[in-house]
N, C-alpha and C. Protein backbone atom coordinates (compact mmCIF):
# COMPACT_ATOMS: atom_id res chain seq x y z
N MET A 1 99.42 93.17 118.94
CA MET A 1 99.12 94.00 117.77
C MET A 1 99.01 93.18 116.49
N ASN A 2 98.09 93.40 115.68
CA ASN A 2 97.86 92.69 114.42
C ASN A 2 98.22 93.56 113.29
N ASP A 3 98.84 93.05 112.18
CA ASP A 3 99.07 93.77 110.94
C ASP A 3 97.81 93.59 110.19
N ILE A 4 97.22 94.76 109.83
CA ILE A 4 95.97 94.80 109.15
C ILE A 4 96.22 95.43 107.78
N PHE A 5 95.67 94.80 106.71
CA PHE A 5 95.74 95.37 105.36
C PHE A 5 94.35 95.67 104.92
N LEU A 6 94.17 96.94 104.49
CA LEU A 6 92.90 97.37 103.94
C LEU A 6 93.04 97.87 102.52
N LEU A 7 92.02 97.55 101.72
CA LEU A 7 91.98 98.04 100.33
C LEU A 7 90.96 99.15 100.31
N LEU A 8 91.44 100.30 99.75
CA LEU A 8 90.50 101.45 99.55
C LEU A 8 90.19 101.59 98.15
N GLY A 9 89.01 101.95 97.83
CA GLY A 9 88.61 102.15 96.44
C GLY A 9 87.60 103.24 96.28
N SER A 10 87.65 103.98 95.20
CA SER A 10 86.69 105.04 94.92
C SER A 10 86.56 105.15 93.38
N ASN A 11 85.25 105.30 92.98
CA ASN A 11 85.06 105.64 91.51
C ASN A 11 83.98 106.68 91.26
N LEU A 12 83.67 107.45 92.28
CA LEU A 12 82.71 108.51 92.13
C LEU A 12 83.32 109.80 92.72
N GLY A 13 83.00 110.92 92.14
CA GLY A 13 83.44 112.23 92.59
C GLY A 13 84.94 112.39 92.51
N ASN A 14 85.45 113.15 93.49
CA ASN A 14 86.91 113.41 93.58
C ASN A 14 87.55 112.24 94.22
N ARG A 15 87.94 111.25 93.39
CA ARG A 15 88.37 109.91 93.87
C ARG A 15 89.60 110.05 94.77
N LYS A 16 90.60 110.85 94.36
CA LYS A 16 91.77 111.05 95.18
C LYS A 16 91.49 111.66 96.55
N LEU A 17 90.59 112.64 96.51
CA LEU A 17 90.15 113.23 97.81
C LEU A 17 89.49 112.24 98.74
N PHE A 18 88.63 111.37 98.20
CA PHE A 18 88.00 110.39 98.99
C PHE A 18 88.96 109.43 99.58
N LEU A 19 90.04 109.01 98.84
CA LEU A 19 91.03 108.14 99.34
C LEU A 19 91.76 108.83 100.53
N LYS A 20 92.15 110.03 100.25
CA LYS A 20 92.84 110.82 101.34
C LYS A 20 91.98 110.98 102.62
N GLN A 21 90.76 111.30 102.39
CA GLN A 21 89.84 111.48 103.58
C GLN A 21 89.67 110.16 104.32
N ALA A 22 89.59 109.04 103.60
CA ALA A 22 89.41 107.71 104.22
C ALA A 22 90.64 107.47 105.05
N ILE A 23 91.87 107.73 104.53
CA ILE A 23 93.06 107.53 105.27
C ILE A 23 93.15 108.43 106.54
N ASP A 24 92.71 109.64 106.37
CA ASP A 24 92.70 110.60 107.54
C ASP A 24 91.79 110.01 108.64
N HIS A 25 90.60 109.51 108.25
CA HIS A 25 89.65 108.97 109.25
C HIS A 25 90.11 107.66 109.87
N ILE A 26 90.79 106.87 109.03
CA ILE A 26 91.37 105.63 109.56
C ILE A 26 92.39 105.90 110.63
N GLU A 27 93.27 106.92 110.30
CA GLU A 27 94.31 107.27 111.29
C GLU A 27 93.67 107.87 112.56
N ALA A 28 92.61 108.64 112.41
CA ALA A 28 92.04 109.27 113.59
C ALA A 28 91.15 108.35 114.41
N LYS A 29 90.57 107.36 113.81
CA LYS A 29 89.57 106.56 114.47
C LYS A 29 90.01 105.08 114.73
N ILE A 30 91.05 104.64 114.02
CA ILE A 30 91.49 103.26 114.12
C ILE A 30 92.93 103.11 114.58
N ALA A 31 93.84 103.50 113.72
CA ALA A 31 95.28 103.46 114.04
C ALA A 31 96.04 104.10 112.91
N PRO A 32 97.31 104.52 113.31
CA PRO A 32 98.16 105.16 112.29
C PRO A 32 98.46 104.20 111.13
N VAL A 33 98.65 104.73 109.95
CA VAL A 33 99.01 103.96 108.76
C VAL A 33 100.51 103.71 108.88
N VAL A 34 100.92 102.42 108.77
CA VAL A 34 102.31 102.02 108.82
C VAL A 34 102.94 102.07 107.44
N LYS A 35 102.13 101.63 106.47
CA LYS A 35 102.60 101.64 105.03
C LYS A 35 101.44 101.92 104.21
N LEU A 36 101.80 102.55 103.01
CA LEU A 36 100.75 103.02 102.10
C LEU A 36 101.24 102.72 100.66
N SER A 37 100.41 102.04 99.88
CA SER A 37 100.85 101.79 98.53
C SER A 37 100.67 103.03 97.65
N SER A 38 101.20 102.92 96.46
CA SER A 38 100.89 103.95 95.44
C SER A 38 99.35 103.87 95.19
N VAL A 39 98.84 104.86 94.47
CA VAL A 39 97.43 104.86 94.06
C VAL A 39 97.44 104.17 92.62
N PHE A 40 96.51 103.29 92.37
CA PHE A 40 96.37 102.62 91.11
C PHE A 40 95.03 102.94 90.50
N GLU A 41 95.01 103.21 89.20
CA GLU A 41 93.68 103.31 88.47
C GLU A 41 93.42 102.00 87.93
N THR A 42 92.12 101.61 88.08
CA THR A 42 91.68 100.27 87.71
C THR A 42 90.38 100.27 86.95
N GLN A 43 90.25 99.46 85.92
CA GLN A 43 88.96 99.27 85.26
C GLN A 43 88.00 98.70 86.36
N SER A 44 86.79 99.04 86.19
CA SER A 44 85.75 98.54 87.10
C SER A 44 85.68 97.00 86.99
N TRP A 45 85.56 96.32 88.13
CA TRP A 45 85.50 94.88 88.16
C TRP A 45 84.14 94.44 88.63
N GLY A 46 83.58 93.46 88.01
CA GLY A 46 82.22 92.95 88.39
C GLY A 46 81.14 93.72 87.68
N LYS A 47 81.18 94.98 87.62
CA LYS A 47 80.20 95.81 86.88
C LYS A 47 81.01 96.70 85.95
N THR A 48 81.27 96.10 84.77
CA THR A 48 82.34 96.67 83.86
C THR A 48 81.92 97.97 83.22
N ASP A 49 80.63 98.39 83.30
CA ASP A 49 80.24 99.61 82.64
C ASP A 49 80.38 100.83 83.59
N ALA A 50 80.83 100.59 84.83
CA ALA A 50 81.00 101.65 85.79
C ALA A 50 82.33 102.43 85.52
N PRO A 51 82.40 103.67 86.10
CA PRO A 51 83.67 104.40 86.00
C PRO A 51 84.85 103.72 86.58
N ASP A 52 85.97 104.06 86.16
CA ASP A 52 87.26 103.44 86.70
C ASP A 52 87.44 103.84 88.18
N TYR A 53 88.18 102.96 88.86
CA TYR A 53 88.41 103.12 90.26
C TYR A 53 89.83 103.67 90.48
N LEU A 54 90.08 104.32 91.58
CA LEU A 54 91.31 104.50 92.22
C LEU A 54 91.37 103.53 93.35
N ASN A 55 92.44 102.78 93.49
CA ASN A 55 92.66 101.84 94.56
C ASN A 55 93.93 102.07 95.25
N GLN A 56 93.99 101.76 96.57
CA GLN A 56 95.19 101.92 97.38
C GLN A 56 95.07 100.94 98.53
N VAL A 57 96.23 100.34 98.88
CA VAL A 57 96.24 99.47 100.07
C VAL A 57 96.99 100.20 101.17
N VAL A 58 96.48 100.13 102.40
CA VAL A 58 97.11 100.68 103.56
C VAL A 58 97.36 99.58 104.58
N GLN A 59 98.49 99.66 105.33
CA GLN A 59 98.74 98.71 106.43
C GLN A 59 98.67 99.42 107.72
N LEU A 60 98.04 98.87 108.72
CA LEU A 60 97.98 99.36 110.06
C LEU A 60 98.37 98.33 111.03
N ARG A 61 98.61 98.76 112.27
CA ARG A 61 98.81 97.82 113.33
C ARG A 61 97.90 98.20 114.50
N THR A 62 97.06 97.25 114.88
CA THR A 62 96.04 97.56 115.87
C THR A 62 95.73 96.28 116.70
N SER A 63 95.27 96.48 117.91
CA SER A 63 94.80 95.35 118.71
C SER A 63 93.30 95.37 118.75
N LEU A 64 92.64 96.28 118.03
CA LEU A 64 91.17 96.29 117.97
C LEU A 64 90.68 94.96 117.46
N PRO A 65 89.62 94.32 118.07
CA PRO A 65 89.06 93.12 117.54
C PRO A 65 88.54 93.38 116.10
N ALA A 66 88.55 92.30 115.30
CA ALA A 66 88.14 92.43 113.89
C ALA A 66 86.74 92.97 113.78
N ARG A 67 85.84 92.59 114.58
CA ARG A 67 84.45 93.03 114.48
C ARG A 67 84.39 94.56 114.76
N VAL A 68 85.13 95.07 115.72
CA VAL A 68 85.16 96.51 116.05
C VAL A 68 85.82 97.24 114.86
N LEU A 69 86.87 96.69 114.29
CA LEU A 69 87.51 97.23 113.13
C LEU A 69 86.50 97.38 112.00
N LEU A 70 85.72 96.36 111.70
CA LEU A 70 84.72 96.40 110.69
C LEU A 70 83.67 97.49 110.93
N GLU A 71 83.20 97.58 112.17
CA GLU A 71 82.26 98.58 112.53
C GLU A 71 82.77 99.99 112.28
N LYS A 72 83.99 100.25 112.62
CA LYS A 72 84.67 101.57 112.46
C LYS A 72 84.82 101.87 110.95
N ILE A 73 85.19 100.81 110.13
CA ILE A 73 85.34 101.00 108.68
C ILE A 73 83.97 101.37 108.09
N LEU A 74 82.94 100.66 108.50
CA LEU A 74 81.60 100.88 107.89
C LEU A 74 81.16 102.30 108.24
N ALA A 75 81.42 102.79 109.44
CA ALA A 75 81.11 104.15 109.87
C ALA A 75 81.85 105.18 108.99
N ILE A 76 83.10 104.95 108.69
CA ILE A 76 83.88 105.85 107.84
C ILE A 76 83.26 105.84 106.45
N GLU A 77 82.90 104.72 105.85
CA GLU A 77 82.25 104.69 104.59
C GLU A 77 81.00 105.54 104.53
N ILE A 78 80.17 105.43 105.58
CA ILE A 78 78.93 106.18 105.65
C ILE A 78 79.25 107.66 105.73
N LEU A 79 80.21 108.00 106.60
CA LEU A 79 80.63 109.41 106.72
C LEU A 79 81.08 110.00 105.40
N LEU A 80 81.69 109.21 104.59
CA LEU A 80 82.18 109.68 103.28
C LEU A 80 81.19 109.48 102.13
N GLY A 81 79.89 109.21 102.52
CA GLY A 81 78.83 109.24 101.52
C GLY A 81 78.54 107.90 100.81
N ARG A 82 79.10 106.81 101.32
CA ARG A 82 78.91 105.47 100.71
C ARG A 82 77.47 105.04 100.83
N GLU A 83 76.89 104.66 99.67
CA GLU A 83 75.51 104.11 99.61
C GLU A 83 75.61 102.75 98.97
N ARG A 84 74.91 101.83 99.62
CA ARG A 84 74.91 100.47 99.17
C ARG A 84 73.57 100.19 98.46
N LYS A 85 73.60 100.30 97.09
CA LYS A 85 72.41 100.22 96.29
C LYS A 85 72.38 98.90 95.53
N GLU A 86 73.59 98.56 95.03
CA GLU A 86 73.65 97.30 94.22
C GLU A 86 75.03 96.69 94.34
N LYS A 87 75.05 95.42 94.17
CA LYS A 87 76.38 94.70 94.26
C LYS A 87 77.28 95.27 93.23
N TRP A 88 78.50 95.58 93.63
CA TRP A 88 79.56 96.11 92.78
C TRP A 88 79.16 97.48 92.16
N GLY A 89 78.26 98.21 92.79
CA GLY A 89 77.82 99.51 92.30
C GLY A 89 78.90 100.54 92.59
N SER A 90 78.83 101.61 91.88
CA SER A 90 79.79 102.72 92.08
C SER A 90 79.71 103.25 93.48
N ARG A 91 80.85 103.82 93.97
CA ARG A 91 80.82 104.33 95.32
C ARG A 91 81.85 105.38 95.54
N THR A 92 81.52 106.23 96.50
CA THR A 92 82.54 107.34 96.86
C THR A 92 83.77 106.71 97.51
N ILE A 93 83.49 105.68 98.42
CA ILE A 93 84.57 105.01 99.05
C ILE A 93 84.16 103.57 99.38
N ASP A 94 85.11 102.70 99.25
CA ASP A 94 84.92 101.31 99.64
C ASP A 94 86.19 100.90 100.46
N ILE A 95 85.99 100.30 101.62
CA ILE A 95 87.16 99.95 102.45
C ILE A 95 86.94 98.46 102.73
N ASP A 96 87.86 97.63 102.23
CA ASP A 96 87.73 96.17 102.58
C ASP A 96 88.92 95.75 103.45
N ILE A 97 88.60 94.87 104.34
CA ILE A 97 89.61 94.21 105.16
C ILE A 97 90.17 93.05 104.38
N LEU A 98 91.46 93.14 103.98
CA LEU A 98 92.10 92.09 103.16
C LEU A 98 92.64 91.01 104.14
N PHE A 99 93.43 91.47 105.13
CA PHE A 99 93.99 90.57 106.10
C PHE A 99 93.89 91.16 107.52
N TYR A 100 93.64 90.35 108.46
CA TYR A 100 93.74 90.74 109.87
C TYR A 100 94.78 89.87 110.46
N GLY A 101 96.03 90.25 110.37
CA GLY A 101 97.16 89.40 110.77
C GLY A 101 97.03 88.16 109.98
N ASP A 102 97.29 86.97 110.64
CA ASP A 102 97.13 85.69 109.96
C ASP A 102 95.82 84.95 110.34
N GLU A 103 94.93 85.77 110.90
CA GLU A 103 93.65 85.10 111.31
C GLU A 103 92.75 84.80 110.17
N VAL A 104 91.97 83.72 110.39
CA VAL A 104 90.90 83.36 109.39
C VAL A 104 89.60 83.53 110.17
N ILE A 105 88.77 84.36 109.58
CA ILE A 105 87.45 84.66 110.21
C ILE A 105 86.34 84.37 109.16
N GLN A 106 85.44 83.51 109.51
CA GLN A 106 84.35 83.14 108.64
C GLN A 106 82.97 83.39 109.34
N GLU A 107 82.57 84.59 109.27
CA GLU A 107 81.23 84.93 109.79
C GLU A 107 80.32 85.48 108.64
N PRO A 108 79.04 85.45 108.81
CA PRO A 108 78.19 85.84 107.62
C PRO A 108 78.57 87.19 107.04
N ASP A 109 78.95 88.17 107.89
CA ASP A 109 79.21 89.50 107.32
C ASP A 109 80.63 89.92 107.54
N LEU A 110 81.50 88.99 107.88
CA LEU A 110 82.94 89.31 108.02
C LEU A 110 83.74 88.09 107.65
N LYS A 111 84.41 88.15 106.46
CA LYS A 111 85.26 87.07 105.97
C LYS A 111 86.63 87.63 105.76
N VAL A 112 87.60 87.04 106.50
CA VAL A 112 88.99 87.42 106.44
C VAL A 112 89.83 86.18 106.43
N PRO A 113 90.82 86.08 105.53
CA PRO A 113 91.14 87.00 104.46
C PRO A 113 89.97 87.31 103.51
N HIS A 114 90.02 88.38 102.83
CA HIS A 114 88.98 88.70 101.82
C HIS A 114 88.93 87.55 100.85
N PRO A 115 87.71 86.98 100.65
CA PRO A 115 87.66 85.73 99.88
C PRO A 115 87.95 85.88 98.40
N GLU A 116 87.99 87.12 97.85
CA GLU A 116 88.22 87.25 96.39
C GLU A 116 89.63 87.93 96.11
N LEU A 117 90.38 88.25 97.12
CA LEU A 117 91.57 89.07 96.92
C LEU A 117 92.55 88.38 95.98
N HIS A 118 92.71 87.11 96.03
CA HIS A 118 93.67 86.37 95.24
C HIS A 118 93.27 86.29 93.79
N LYS A 119 92.04 86.75 93.38
CA LYS A 119 91.54 86.74 92.01
C LYS A 119 91.59 88.10 91.32
N ARG A 120 92.00 89.09 92.07
CA ARG A 120 91.82 90.53 91.64
C ARG A 120 93.14 91.27 91.54
N ARG A 121 93.45 91.67 90.31
CA ARG A 121 94.70 92.44 90.08
C ARG A 121 94.65 93.76 90.81
N PHE A 122 93.45 94.37 90.86
CA PHE A 122 93.40 95.72 91.51
C PHE A 122 93.73 95.66 93.06
N THR A 123 93.64 94.39 93.55
CA THR A 123 93.96 94.28 95.02
C THR A 123 95.45 93.81 95.12
N LEU A 124 95.83 92.91 94.32
CA LEU A 124 97.23 92.31 94.42
C LEU A 124 98.35 93.30 93.92
N GLU A 125 98.06 94.15 92.97
CA GLU A 125 99.09 95.14 92.54
C GLU A 125 99.51 95.99 93.72
N PRO A 126 98.60 96.74 94.34
CA PRO A 126 99.05 97.59 95.45
C PRO A 126 99.50 96.83 96.67
N LEU A 127 98.87 95.69 96.96
CA LEU A 127 99.27 94.85 98.11
C LEU A 127 100.70 94.34 97.90
N ALA A 128 101.10 93.94 96.68
CA ALA A 128 102.43 93.44 96.43
C ALA A 128 103.43 94.51 96.57
N GLU A 129 103.08 95.78 96.31
CA GLU A 129 104.03 96.80 96.49
C GLU A 129 104.45 97.09 97.95
N ILE A 130 103.54 96.82 98.89
CA ILE A 130 103.91 97.04 100.33
C ILE A 130 104.06 95.76 101.14
N ALA A 131 103.59 94.63 100.61
CA ALA A 131 103.63 93.37 101.44
C ALA A 131 103.88 92.14 100.57
N ALA A 132 104.87 92.20 99.63
CA ALA A 132 105.07 91.12 98.73
C ALA A 132 105.28 89.78 99.38
N ALA A 133 105.92 89.78 100.49
CA ALA A 133 106.24 88.51 101.17
C ALA A 133 105.19 87.97 102.11
N PHE A 134 104.15 88.76 102.33
CA PHE A 134 103.09 88.39 103.28
C PHE A 134 102.43 87.09 102.77
N ILE A 135 102.29 86.18 103.73
CA ILE A 135 101.72 84.84 103.41
C ILE A 135 100.18 84.83 103.64
N HIS A 136 99.51 84.41 102.64
CA HIS A 136 98.04 84.24 102.73
C HIS A 136 97.78 83.07 103.69
N PRO A 137 97.03 83.24 104.78
CA PRO A 137 96.92 82.21 105.79
C PRO A 137 96.12 81.00 105.34
N ILE A 138 95.29 81.08 104.26
CA ILE A 138 94.61 79.91 103.81
C ILE A 138 95.32 79.31 102.65
N LEU A 139 95.72 80.08 101.69
CA LEU A 139 96.39 79.60 100.45
C LEU A 139 97.87 79.18 100.67
N HIS A 140 98.46 79.74 101.77
CA HIS A 140 99.85 79.45 102.01
C HIS A 140 100.83 79.84 100.96
N LYS A 141 100.56 80.93 100.29
CA LYS A 141 101.40 81.55 99.25
C LYS A 141 101.57 83.02 99.61
N ASN A 142 102.73 83.54 99.24
CA ASN A 142 103.01 84.97 99.42
C ASN A 142 102.27 85.77 98.33
N ILE A 143 102.22 87.05 98.57
CA ILE A 143 101.40 87.91 97.65
C ILE A 143 102.01 87.96 96.20
N LEU A 144 103.35 87.92 96.15
CA LEU A 144 103.97 87.82 94.81
C LEU A 144 103.55 86.61 94.03
N GLN A 145 103.55 85.48 94.76
CA GLN A 145 103.17 84.18 94.07
C GLN A 145 101.67 84.32 93.62
N LEU A 146 100.79 84.85 94.44
CA LEU A 146 99.41 84.98 94.06
C LEU A 146 99.27 85.90 92.83
N LYS A 147 100.02 86.98 92.85
CA LYS A 147 100.08 87.92 91.72
C LYS A 147 100.50 87.25 90.48
N SER A 148 101.55 86.35 90.54
CA SER A 148 102.07 85.74 89.40
C SER A 148 101.09 84.71 88.78
N GLU A 149 100.12 84.24 89.61
CA GLU A 149 99.18 83.19 89.18
C GLU A 149 97.86 83.85 88.71
N LEU A 150 97.77 85.12 88.68
CA LEU A 150 96.50 85.83 88.29
C LEU A 150 96.09 85.50 86.87
N ILE A 151 94.81 85.34 86.66
CA ILE A 151 94.26 85.38 85.33
C ILE A 151 93.48 86.58 84.97
N ASP A 152 93.30 87.44 85.98
CA ASP A 152 92.58 88.68 85.83
C ASP A 152 93.41 89.63 84.91
N ASP A 153 92.78 90.02 83.78
CA ASP A 153 93.56 90.82 82.80
C ASP A 153 93.08 92.29 82.80
N LEU A 154 92.36 92.75 83.82
CA LEU A 154 91.91 94.14 83.89
C LEU A 154 93.18 95.02 83.92
N ILE A 155 93.09 96.23 83.38
CA ILE A 155 94.19 97.20 83.38
C ILE A 155 94.26 97.81 84.71
N VAL A 156 95.46 97.68 85.32
CA VAL A 156 95.75 98.33 86.61
C VAL A 156 97.02 99.15 86.47
N LYS A 157 97.00 100.48 86.62
CA LYS A 157 98.22 101.30 86.41
C LYS A 157 98.36 102.19 87.52
N LYS A 158 99.59 102.52 87.86
CA LYS A 158 99.94 103.54 88.87
C LYS A 158 99.46 104.86 88.33
N VAL A 159 98.93 105.71 89.26
CA VAL A 159 98.54 107.06 88.85
C VAL A 159 99.72 108.00 89.04
């Protein structure tokens, strides 16, 4: 079994409902949620004129291969109305694989750990809440260390 950390994000429609529905689908189609962070409201990152996001990190344990996990996540996003029109565009739901245990995966459409997670406060705040001591398998630092080194000054607050 691998410890999997997923980042959920929504900035369109009923954001809280989309997070809840995503969690329900994850539990039904992938694995039960072991830990769940608080929900954080975050300024839009990358495309700063977009509506604010709600973000949440969930931890699962599964033996599903990473590729199968990704396929199931993408299916859940589509089920919840996700449309990919532009990079960093607004979305009903976004589900990113942050970590797949301590594995490092470098494929064209699957990069784990998530290559930008250590630069993003909206990722590290909820991740630190449930996995502060988890060690990044490439950077060899725990989540609290990465959070303390952030230069990202976007506002991230618990809802």
